[in-house]
Amino acid sequence: IDVFTTWCKPCKIMAAEAFNDEEIAELMNTFLI
């Protein structure tokens, strides 16, 4: 669960970096909903 707000800058950085990282995305898509 990613709990965010629209005004949160670190939330946007995390979304841009971590959620677009190939290895992270593959692990999350494989083992997590």
Full PDB file with SEQRES, HELIX, SHEET, SSBOND, CRYST1, ORIGX, SCALE, CONECT and MASTER records, all heavy atoms in Angstrom:
SEQRES   1 A   33  ILE ASP VAL PHE THR THR TRP CYS LYS PRO CYS LYS ILE          
SEQRES   2 A   33  MET ALA ALA GLU ALA PHE ASN ASP GLU GLU ILE ALA GLU          
SEQRES   3 A   33  LEU MET ASN THR PHE LEU ILE                                  
HELIX    1 AA1 LYS A    9  GLU A   17  1                                   9    
HELIX    2 AA2 ALA A   18  ASN A   20  5                                   3    
HELIX    3 AA3 GLU A   22  PHE A   31  1                                  10    
SSBOND   1 CYS A    8    CYS A   11                          1555   1555  2.30  
CRYST1    1.000    1.000    1.000  90.00  90.00  90.00 P 1           1          
ORIGX1      1.000000  0.000000  0.000000        0.00000                         
ORIGX2      0.000000  1.000000  0.000000        0.00000                         
ORIGX3      0.000000  0.000000  1.000000        0.00000                         
SCALE1      1.000000  0.000000  0.000000        0.00000                         
SCALE2      0.000000  1.000000  0.000000        0.00000                         
SCALE3      0.000000  0.000000  1.000000        0.00000                         
ATOM      1  N   ILE A   1       0.851  -1.195   0.000  1.00  0.00           N  
ATOM      2  CA  ILE A   1       0.000   0.000   0.000  1.00  0.00           C  
ATOM      3  C   ILE A   1       0.889   1.249   0.000  1.00  0.00           C  
ATOM      4  O   ILE A   1       1.713   1.447   0.897  1.00  0.00           O  
ATOM      5  CB  ILE A   1      -0.907   0.054   1.246  1.00  0.00           C  
ATOM      6  CG1 ILE A   1      -1.635  -1.279   1.459  1.00  0.00           C  
ATOM      7  CG2 ILE A   1      -1.912   1.193   1.122  1.00  0.00           C  
ATOM      8  CD1 ILE A   1      -2.351  -1.370   2.804  1.00  0.00           C  
ATOM      9  N   ASP A   2       0.715   2.059  -1.004  1.00  0.00           N  
ATOM     10  CA  ASP A   2       1.386   3.356  -1.080  1.00  0.00           C  
ATOM     11  C   ASP A   2       0.387   4.418  -0.634  1.00  0.00           C  
ATOM     12  O   ASP A   2      -0.564   4.730  -1.350  1.00  0.00           O  
ATOM     13  CB  ASP A   2       1.850   3.623  -2.516  1.00  0.00           C  
ATOM     14  CG  ASP A   2       2.326   5.054  -2.728  1.00  0.00           C  
ATOM     15  OD1 ASP A   2       2.805   5.661  -1.754  1.00  0.00           O  
ATOM     16  OD2 ASP A   2       2.221   5.548  -3.878  1.00  0.00           O  
ATOM     17  N   VAL A   3       0.594   4.953   0.560  1.00  0.00           N  
ATOM     18  CA  VAL A   3      -0.288   5.997   1.085  1.00  0.00           C  
ATOM     19  C   VAL A   3       0.364   7.349   0.785  1.00  0.00           C  
ATOM     20  O   VAL A   3       1.453   7.649   1.283  1.00  0.00           O  
ATOM     21  CB  VAL A   3      -0.512   5.840   2.603  1.00  0.00           C  
ATOM     22  CG1 VAL A   3      -1.559   6.847   3.081  1.00  0.00           C  
ATOM     23  CG2 VAL A   3      -0.954   4.416   2.949  1.00  0.00           C  
ATOM     24  N   PHE A   4      -0.307   8.160  -0.028  1.00  0.00           N  
ATOM     25  CA  PHE A   4       0.295   9.406  -0.496  1.00  0.00           C  
ATOM     26  C   PHE A   4      -0.706  10.553  -0.388  1.00  0.00           C  
ATOM     27  O   PHE A   4      -1.882  10.364  -0.077  1.00  0.00           O  
ATOM     28  CB  PHE A   4       0.740   9.252  -1.951  1.00  0.00           C  
ATOM     29  CG  PHE A   4      -0.409   9.181  -2.923  1.00  0.00           C  
ATOM     30  CD1 PHE A   4      -0.844  10.321  -3.596  1.00  0.00           C  
ATOM     31  CD2 PHE A   4      -1.077   7.981  -3.152  1.00  0.00           C  
ATOM     32  CE1 PHE A   4      -1.917  10.262  -4.476  1.00  0.00           C  
ATOM     33  CE2 PHE A   4      -2.154   7.922  -4.033  1.00  0.00           C  
ATOM     34  CZ  PHE A   4      -2.569   9.064  -4.688  1.00  0.00           C  
ATOM     35  N   THR A   5      -0.208  11.760  -0.653  1.00  0.00           N  
ATOM     36  CA  THR A   5      -1.091  12.913  -0.853  1.00  0.00           C  
ATOM     37  C   THR A   5      -0.630  13.625  -2.117  1.00  0.00           C  
ATOM     38  O   THR A   5       0.518  13.458  -2.563  1.00  0.00           O  
ATOM     39  CB  THR A   5      -1.025  13.909   0.326  1.00  0.00           C  
ATOM     40  OG1 THR A   5       0.297  14.473   0.389  1.00  0.00           O  
ATOM     41  CG2 THR A   5      -1.363  13.217   1.636  1.00  0.00           C  
ATOM     42  N   THR A   6      -1.503  14.393  -2.692  1.00  0.00           N  
ATOM     43  CA  THR A   6      -1.171  15.049  -3.966  1.00  0.00           C  
ATOM     44  C   THR A   6      -0.110  16.130  -3.810  1.00  0.00           C  
ATOM     45  O   THR A   6       0.586  16.456  -4.774  1.00  0.00           O  
ATOM     46  CB  THR A   6      -2.436  15.668  -4.586  1.00  0.00           C  
ATOM     47  OG1 THR A   6      -3.031  16.571  -3.636  1.00  0.00           O  
ATOM     48  CG2 THR A   6      -3.438  14.594  -4.947  1.00  0.00           C  
ATOM     49  N   TRP A   7       0.029  16.687  -2.591  1.00  0.00           N  
ATOM     50  CA  TRP A   7       0.995  17.779  -2.382  1.00  0.00           C  
ATOM     51  C   TRP A   7       2.350  17.279  -1.891  1.00  0.00           C  
ATOM     52  O   TRP A   7       3.284  18.062  -1.723  1.00  0.00           O  
ATOM     53  CB  TRP A   7       0.445  18.792  -1.376  1.00  0.00           C  
ATOM     54  CG  TRP A   7      -0.117  18.172  -0.124  1.00  0.00           C  
ATOM     55  CD1 TRP A   7      -1.414  17.909   0.148  1.00  0.00           C  
ATOM     56  CD2 TRP A   7       0.628  17.715   1.024  1.00  0.00           C  
ATOM     57  NE1 TRP A   7      -1.564  17.329   1.384  1.00  0.00           N  
ATOM     58  CE2 TRP A   7      -0.309  17.192   1.948  1.00  0.00           C  
ATOM     59  CE3 TRP A   7       1.974  17.684   1.369  1.00  0.00           C  
ATOM     60  CZ2 TRP A   7       0.059  16.663   3.181  1.00  0.00           C  
ATOM     61  CZ3 TRP A   7       2.358  17.152   2.602  1.00  0.00           C  
ATOM     62  CH2 TRP A   7       1.401  16.648   3.496  1.00  0.00           C  
ATOM     63  N   CYS A   8       2.492  15.985  -1.657  1.00  0.00           N  
ATOM     64  CA  CYS A   8       3.705  15.413  -1.047  1.00  0.00           C  
ATOM     65  C   CYS A   8       4.817  15.244  -2.084  1.00  0.00           C  
ATOM     66  O   CYS A   8       4.741  14.385  -2.974  1.00  0.00           O  
ATOM     67  CB  CYS A   8       3.351  14.065  -0.411  1.00  0.00           C  
ATOM     68  SG  CYS A   8       4.765  13.059   0.017  1.00  0.00           S  
ATOM     69  N   LYS A   9       5.875  16.043  -1.969  1.00  0.00           N  
ATOM     70  CA  LYS A   9       6.994  15.974  -2.923  1.00  0.00           C  
ATOM     71  C   LYS A   9       7.753  14.653  -2.844  1.00  0.00           C  
ATOM     72  O   LYS A   9       8.055  14.055  -3.883  1.00  0.00           O  
ATOM     73  CB  LYS A   9       7.943  17.154  -2.687  1.00  0.00           C  
ATOM     74  CG  LYS A   9       9.050  17.238  -3.731  1.00  0.00           C  
ATOM     75  CD  LYS A   9       9.894  18.493  -3.548  1.00  0.00           C  
ATOM     76  CE  LYS A   9      10.991  18.562  -4.600  1.00  0.00           C  
ATOM     77  NZ  LYS A   9      11.827  19.784  -4.451  1.00  0.00           N  
ATOM     78  N   PRO A  10       8.092  14.142  -1.635  1.00  0.00           N  
ATOM     79  CA  PRO A  10       8.767  12.837  -1.573  1.00  0.00           C  
ATOM     80  C   PRO A  10       7.934  11.708  -2.188  1.00  0.00           C  
ATOM     81  O   PRO A  10       8.496  10.750  -2.730  1.00  0.00           O  
ATOM     82  CB  PRO A  10       8.987  12.614  -0.075  1.00  0.00           C  
ATOM     83  CG  PRO A  10       8.996  13.984   0.514  1.00  0.00           C  
ATOM     84  CD  PRO A  10       8.019  14.765  -0.293  1.00  0.00           C  
ATOM     85  N   CYS A  11       6.612  11.818  -2.107  1.00  0.00           N  
ATOM     86  CA  CYS A  11       5.740  10.816  -2.735  1.00  0.00           C  
ATOM     87  C   CYS A  11       5.976  10.787  -4.244  1.00  0.00           C  
ATOM     88  O   CYS A  11       6.062   9.718  -4.858  1.00  0.00           O  
ATOM     89  CB  CYS A  11       4.272  11.124  -2.477  1.00  0.00           C  
ATOM     90  SG  CYS A  11       3.780  11.126  -0.740  1.00  0.00           S  
ATOM     91  N   LYS A  12       6.089  11.967  -4.831  1.00  0.00           N  
ATOM     92  CA  LYS A  12       6.291  12.068  -6.278  1.00  0.00           C  
ATOM     93  C   LYS A  12       7.672  11.579  -6.678  1.00  0.00           C  
ATOM     94  O   LYS A  12       7.844  10.946  -7.725  1.00  0.00           O  
ATOM     95  CB  LYS A  12       6.072  13.516  -6.722  1.00  0.00           C  
ATOM     96  CG  LYS A  12       4.637  13.995  -6.523  1.00  0.00           C  
ATOM     97  CD  LYS A  12       4.467  15.470  -6.876  1.00  0.00           C  
ATOM     98  CE  LYS A  12       3.040  15.932  -6.629  1.00  0.00           C  
ATOM     99  NZ  LYS A  12       2.855  17.378  -6.897  1.00  0.00           N  
ATOM    100  N   ILE A  13       8.665  11.872  -5.834  1.00  0.00           N  
ATOM    101  CA  ILE A  13      10.026  11.393  -6.119  1.00  0.00           C  
ATOM    102  C   ILE A  13      10.064   9.862  -6.065  1.00  0.00           C  
ATOM    103  O   ILE A  13      10.659   9.204  -6.928  1.00  0.00           O  
ATOM    104  CB  ILE A  13      11.031  12.001  -5.121  1.00  0.00           C  
ATOM    105  CG1 ILE A  13      11.121  13.516  -5.321  1.00  0.00           C  
ATOM    106  CG2 ILE A  13      12.412  11.363  -5.288  1.00  0.00           C  
ATOM    107  CD1 ILE A  13      11.954  14.230  -4.274  1.00  0.00           C  
ATOM    108  N   MET A  14       9.433   9.299  -5.040  1.00  0.00           N  
ATOM    109  CA  MET A  14       9.390   7.844  -4.910  1.00  0.00           C  
ATOM    110  C   MET A  14       8.697   7.216  -6.121  1.00  0.00           C  
ATOM    111  O   MET A  14       9.165   6.206  -6.670  1.00  0.00           O  
ATOM    112  CB  MET A  14       8.662   7.445  -3.630  1.00  0.00           C  
ATOM    113  CG  MET A  14       8.598   5.936  -3.394  1.00  0.00           C  
ATOM    114  SD  MET A  14       7.832   5.513  -1.801  1.00  0.00           S  
ATOM    115  CE  MET A  14       6.120   5.938  -2.149  1.00  0.00           C  
ATOM    116  N   ALA A  15       7.588   7.806  -6.543  1.00  0.00           N  
ATOM    117  CA  ALA A  15       6.865   7.278  -7.695  1.00  0.00           C  
ATOM    118  C   ALA A  15       7.721   7.322  -8.957  1.00  0.00           C  
ATOM    119  O   ALA A  15       7.736   6.372  -9.745  1.00  0.00           O  
ATOM    120  CB  ALA A  15       5.573   8.062  -7.904  1.00  0.00           C  
ATOM    121  N   ALA A  16       8.459   8.419  -9.135  1.00  0.00           N  
ATOM    122  CA  ALA A  16       9.285   8.573 -10.331  1.00  0.00           C  
ATOM    123  C   ALA A  16      10.499   7.655 -10.319  1.00  0.00           C  
ATOM    124  O   ALA A  16      10.886   7.109 -11.356  1.00  0.00           O  
ATOM    125  CB  ALA A  16       9.728  10.033 -10.463  1.00  0.00           C  
ATOM    126  N   GLU A  17      11.097   7.476  -9.137  1.00  0.00           N  
ATOM    127  CA  GLU A  17      12.323   6.680  -9.043  1.00  0.00           C  
ATOM    128  C   GLU A  17      12.039   5.202  -8.784  1.00  0.00           C  
ATOM    129  O   GLU A  17      12.327   4.341  -9.622  1.00  0.00           O  
ATOM    130  CB  GLU A  17      13.219   7.235  -7.934  1.00  0.00           C  
ATOM    131  CG  GLU A  17      13.787   8.611  -8.214  1.00  0.00           C  
ATOM    132  CD  GLU A  17      14.701   9.109  -7.103  1.00  0.00           C  
ATOM    133  OE1 GLU A  17      14.792   8.439  -6.042  1.00  0.00           O  
ATOM    134  OE2 GLU A  17      15.334  10.163  -7.297  1.00  0.00           O  
ATOM    135  N   ALA A  18      11.487   4.907  -7.636  1.00  0.00           N  
ATOM    136  CA  ALA A  18      11.340   3.514  -7.205  1.00  0.00           C  
ATOM    137  C   ALA A  18      10.351   2.738  -8.072  1.00  0.00           C  
ATOM    138  O   ALA A  18      10.624   1.600  -8.471  1.00  0.00           O  
ATOM    139  CB  ALA A  18      10.905   3.464  -5.744  1.00  0.00           C  
ATOM    140  N   PHE A  19       9.221   3.348  -8.386  1.00  0.00           N  
ATOM    141  CA  PHE A  19       8.191   2.617  -9.122  1.00  0.00           C  
ATOM    142  C   PHE A  19       8.556   2.423 -10.590  1.00  0.00           C  
ATOM    143  O   PHE A  19       7.898   1.663 -11.303  1.00  0.00           O  
ATOM    144  CB  PHE A  19       6.840   3.311  -9.004  1.00  0.00           C  
ATOM    145  CG  PHE A  19       6.299   3.359  -7.593  1.00  0.00           C  
ATOM    146  CD1 PHE A  19       5.328   4.287  -7.228  1.00  0.00           C  
ATOM    147  CD2 PHE A  19       6.758   2.474  -6.626  1.00  0.00           C  
ATOM    148  CE1 PHE A  19       4.826   4.324  -5.935  1.00  0.00           C  
ATOM    149  CE2 PHE A  19       6.268   2.506  -5.318  1.00  0.00           C  
ATOM    150  CZ  PHE A  19       5.301   3.440  -4.974  1.00  0.00           C  
ATOM    151  N   ASN A  20       9.592   3.115 -11.041  1.00  0.00           N  
ATOM    152  CA  ASN A  20      10.060   2.929 -12.414  1.00  0.00           C  
ATOM    153  C   ASN A  20      11.377   2.164 -12.482  1.00  0.00           C  
ATOM    154  O   ASN A  20      11.916   1.962 -13.572  1.00  0.00           O  
ATOM    155  CB  ASN A  20      10.224   4.288 -13.110  1.00  0.00           C  
ATOM    156  CG  ASN A  20       8.889   4.897 -13.482  1.00  0.00           C  
ATOM    157  OD1 ASN A  20       8.121   4.304 -14.238  1.00  0.00           O  
ATOM    158  ND2 ASN A  20       8.582   6.066 -12.952  1.00  0.00           N  
ATOM    159  N   ASP A  21      11.878   1.745 -11.319  1.00  0.00           N  
ATOM    160  CA  ASP A  21      13.093   0.921 -11.308  1.00  0.00           C  
ATOM    161  C   ASP A  21      12.745  -0.490 -11.767  1.00  0.00           C  
ATOM    162  O   ASP A  21      11.801  -1.112 -11.259  1.00  0.00           O  
ATOM    163  CB  ASP A  21      13.692   0.883  -9.903  1.00  0.00           C  
ATOM    164  CG  ASP A  21      14.953   0.044  -9.834  1.00  0.00           C  
ATOM    165  OD1 ASP A  21      16.026   0.564 -10.158  1.00  0.00           O  
ATOM    166  OD2 ASP A  21      14.836  -1.153  -9.480  1.00  0.00           O  
ATOM    167  N   GLU A  22      13.497  -1.019 -12.719  1.00  0.00           N  
ATOM    168  CA  GLU A  22      13.154  -2.293 -13.339  1.00  0.00           C  
ATOM    169  C   GLU A  22      13.120  -3.450 -12.338  1.00  0.00           C  
ATOM    170  O   GLU A  22      12.178  -4.253 -12.329  1.00  0.00           O  
ATOM    171  CB  GLU A  22      14.159  -2.607 -14.461  1.00  0.00           C  
ATOM    172  CG  GLU A  22      13.811  -3.832 -15.272  1.00  0.00           C  
ATOM    173  CD  GLU A  22      14.750  -4.028 -16.455  1.00  0.00           C  
ATOM    174  OE1 GLU A  22      15.456  -3.062 -16.825  1.00  0.00           O  
ATOM    175  OE2 GLU A  22      14.767  -5.142 -17.003  1.00  0.00           O  
ATOM    176  N   GLU A  23      14.122  -3.543 -11.472  1.00  0.00           N  
ATOM    177  CA  GLU A  23      14.174  -4.669 -10.533  1.00  0.00           C  
ATOM    178  C   GLU A  23      13.065  -4.554  -9.477  1.00  0.00           C  
ATOM    179  O   GLU A  23      12.404  -5.540  -9.135  1.00  0.00           O  
ATOM    180  CB  GLU A  23      15.535  -4.745  -9.855  1.00  0.00           C  
ATOM    181  CG  GLU A  23      15.687  -5.964  -8.958  1.00  0.00           C  
ATOM    182  CD  GLU A  23      17.115  -6.187  -8.491  1.00  0.00           C  
ATOM    183  OE1 GLU A  23      17.973  -5.303  -8.725  1.00  0.00           O  
ATOM    184  OE2 GLU A  23      17.375  -7.240  -7.882  1.00  0.00           O  
ATOM    185  N   ILE A  24      12.862  -3.347  -8.944  1.00  0.00           N  
ATOM    186  CA  ILE A  24      11.799  -3.137  -7.959  1.00  0.00           C  
ATOM    187  C   ILE A  24      10.436  -3.459  -8.564  1.00  0.00           C  
ATOM    188  O   ILE A  24       9.618  -4.167  -7.960  1.00  0.00           O  
ATOM    189  CB  ILE A  24      11.830  -1.685  -7.443  1.00  0.00           C  
ATOM    190  CG1 ILE A  24      13.045  -1.482  -6.530  1.00  0.00           C  
ATOM    191  CG2 ILE A  24      10.546  -1.343  -6.694  1.00  0.00           C  
ATOM    192  CD1 ILE A  24      13.268  -0.039  -6.117  1.00  0.00           C  
ATOM    193  N   ALA A  25      10.190  -2.938  -9.761  1.00  0.00           N  
ATOM    194  CA  ALA A  25       8.898  -3.166 -10.407  1.00  0.00           C  
ATOM    195  C   ALA A  25       8.649  -4.654 -10.628  1.00  0.00           C  
ATOM    196  O   ALA A  25       7.537  -5.155 -10.393  1.00  0.00           O  
ATOM    197  CB  ALA A  25       8.838  -2.410 -11.730  1.00  0.00           C  
ATOM    198  N   GLU A  26       9.673  -5.368 -11.039  1.00  0.00           N  
ATOM    199  CA  GLU A  26       9.500  -6.790 -11.304  1.00  0.00           C  
ATOM    200  C   GLU A  26       9.171  -7.559 -10.028  1.00  0.00           C  
ATOM    201  O   GLU A  26       8.283  -8.413 -10.006  1.00  0.00           O  
ATOM    202  CB  GLU A  26      10.761  -7.362 -11.955  1.00  0.00           C  
ATOM    203  CG  GLU A  26      10.593  -8.783 -12.449  1.00  0.00           C  
ATOM    204  CD  GLU A  26      11.765  -9.255 -13.267  1.00  0.00           C  
ATOM    205  OE1 GLU A  26      12.917  -9.090 -12.803  1.00  0.00           O  
ATOM    206  OE2 GLU A  26      11.555  -9.802 -14.352  1.00  0.00           O  
ATOM    207  N   LEU A  27       9.865  -7.246  -8.936  1.00  0.00           N  
ATOM    208  CA  LEU A  27       9.577  -7.909  -7.664  1.00  0.00           C  
ATOM    209  C   LEU A  27       8.166  -7.585  -7.178  1.00  0.00           C  
ATOM    210  O   LEU A  27       7.421  -8.473  -6.743  1.00  0.00           O  
ATOM    211  CB  LEU A  27      10.602  -7.482  -6.608  1.00  0.00           C  
ATOM    212  CG  LEU A  27      12.021  -8.007  -6.758  1.00  0.00           C  
ATOM    213  CD1 LEU A  27      12.928  -7.397  -5.693  1.00  0.00           C  
ATOM    214  CD2 LEU A  27      12.058  -9.525  -6.665  1.00  0.00           C  
ATOM    215  N   MET A  28       7.787  -6.323  -7.237  1.00  0.00           N  
ATOM    216  CA  MET A  28       6.471  -5.922  -6.754  1.00  0.00           C  
ATOM    217  C   MET A  28       5.352  -6.511  -7.612  1.00  0.00           C  
ATOM    218  O   MET A  28       4.323  -6.946  -7.089  1.00  0.00           O  
ATOM    219  CB  MET A  28       6.372  -4.398  -6.704  1.00  0.00           C  
ATOM    220  CG  MET A  28       7.283  -3.759  -5.654  1.00  0.00           C  
ATOM    221  SD  MET A  28       7.201  -1.946  -5.616  1.00  0.00           S  
ATOM    222  CE  MET A  28       5.517  -1.670  -5.056  1.00  0.00           C  
ATOM    223  N   ASN A  29       5.555  -6.548  -8.926  1.00  0.00           N  
ATOM    224  CA  ASN A  29       4.525  -7.091  -9.809  1.00  0.00           C  
ATOM    225  C   ASN A  29       4.403  -8.609  -9.694  1.00  0.00           C  
ATOM    226  O   ASN A  29       3.344  -9.173  -9.965  1.00  0.00           O  
ATOM    227  CB  ASN A  29       4.827  -6.706 -11.262  1.00  0.00           C  
ATOM    228  CG  ASN A  29       4.721  -5.221 -11.516  1.00  0.00           C  
ATOM    229  OD1 ASN A  29       4.048  -4.503 -10.783  1.00  0.00           O  
ATOM    230  ND2 ASN A  29       5.397  -4.732 -12.541  1.00  0.00           N  
ATOM    231  N   THR A  30       5.487  -9.257  -9.279  1.00  0.00           N  
ATOM    232  CA  THR A  30       5.488 -10.720  -9.179  1.00  0.00           C  
ATOM    233  C   THR A  30       4.922 -11.207  -7.855  1.00  0.00           C  
ATOM    234  O   THR A  30       4.140 -12.162  -7.813  1.00  0.00           O  
ATOM    235  CB  THR A  30       6.915 -11.268  -9.364  1.00  0.00           C  
ATOM    236  OG1 THR A  30       7.432 -10.853 -10.630  1.00  0.00           O  
ATOM    237  CG2 THR A  30       6.935 -12.794  -9.294  1.00  0.00           C  
ATOM    238  N   PHE A  31       5.286 -10.549  -6.763  1.00  0.00           N  
ATOM    239  CA  PHE A  31       4.980 -11.092  -5.433  1.00  0.00           C  
ATOM    240  C   PHE A  31       3.958 -10.295  -4.632  1.00  0.00           C  
ATOM    241  O   PHE A  31       3.531 -10.739  -3.569  1.00  0.00           O  
ATOM    242  CB  PHE A  31       6.277 -11.196  -4.612  1.00  0.00           C  
ATOM    243  CG  PHE A  31       7.299 -12.109  -5.225  1.00  0.00           C  
ATOM    244  CD1 PHE A  31       8.428 -11.602  -5.848  1.00  0.00           C  
ATOM    245  CD2 PHE A  31       7.121 -13.484  -5.196  1.00  0.00           C  
ATOM    246  CE1 PHE A  31       9.367 -12.443  -6.417  1.00  0.00           C  
ATOM    247  CE2 PHE A  31       8.059 -14.336  -5.754  1.00  0.00           C  
ATOM    248  CZ  PHE A  31       9.182 -13.820  -6.385  1.00  0.00           C  
ATOM    249  N   LEU A  32       3.568  -9.124  -5.123  1.00  0.00           N  
ATOM    250  CA  LEU A  32       2.675  -8.254  -4.359  1.00  0.00           C  
ATOM    251  C   LEU A  32       1.476  -7.811  -5.183  1.00  0.00           C  
ATOM    252  O   LEU A  32       1.562  -7.709  -6.414  1.00  0.00           O  
ATOM    253  CB  LEU A  32       3.435  -6.999  -3.885  1.00  0.00           C  
ATOM    254  CG  LEU A  32       4.704  -7.215  -3.057  1.00  0.00           C  
ATOM    255  CD1 LEU A  32       5.448  -5.900  -2.888  1.00  0.00           C  
ATOM    256  CD2 LEU A  32       4.365  -7.815  -1.701  1.00  0.00           C  
ATOM    257  N   ILE A  33       0.375  -7.551  -4.505  1.00  0.00           N  
ATOM    258  CA  ILE A  33      -0.746  -6.827  -5.103  1.00  0.00           C  
ATOM    259  C   ILE A  33      -0.573  -5.378  -4.658  1.00  0.00           C  
ATOM    260  O   ILE A  33      -0.619  -5.078  -3.465  1.00  0.00           O  
ATOM    261  CB  ILE A  33      -2.102  -7.371  -4.624  1.00  0.00           C  
ATOM    262  CG1 ILE A  33      -2.205  -8.870  -4.900  1.00  0.00           C  
ATOM    263  CG2 ILE A  33      -3.240  -6.606  -5.283  1.00  0.00           C  
ATOM    264  CD1 ILE A  33      -2.113  -9.253  -6.366  1.00  0.00           C  
TER     265      ILE A  33                                                      
CONECT   68   90                                                                
CONECT   90   68                                                                
MASTER        0    0    0    3    0    0    0    6  264    1    2    3          
END                                                                             
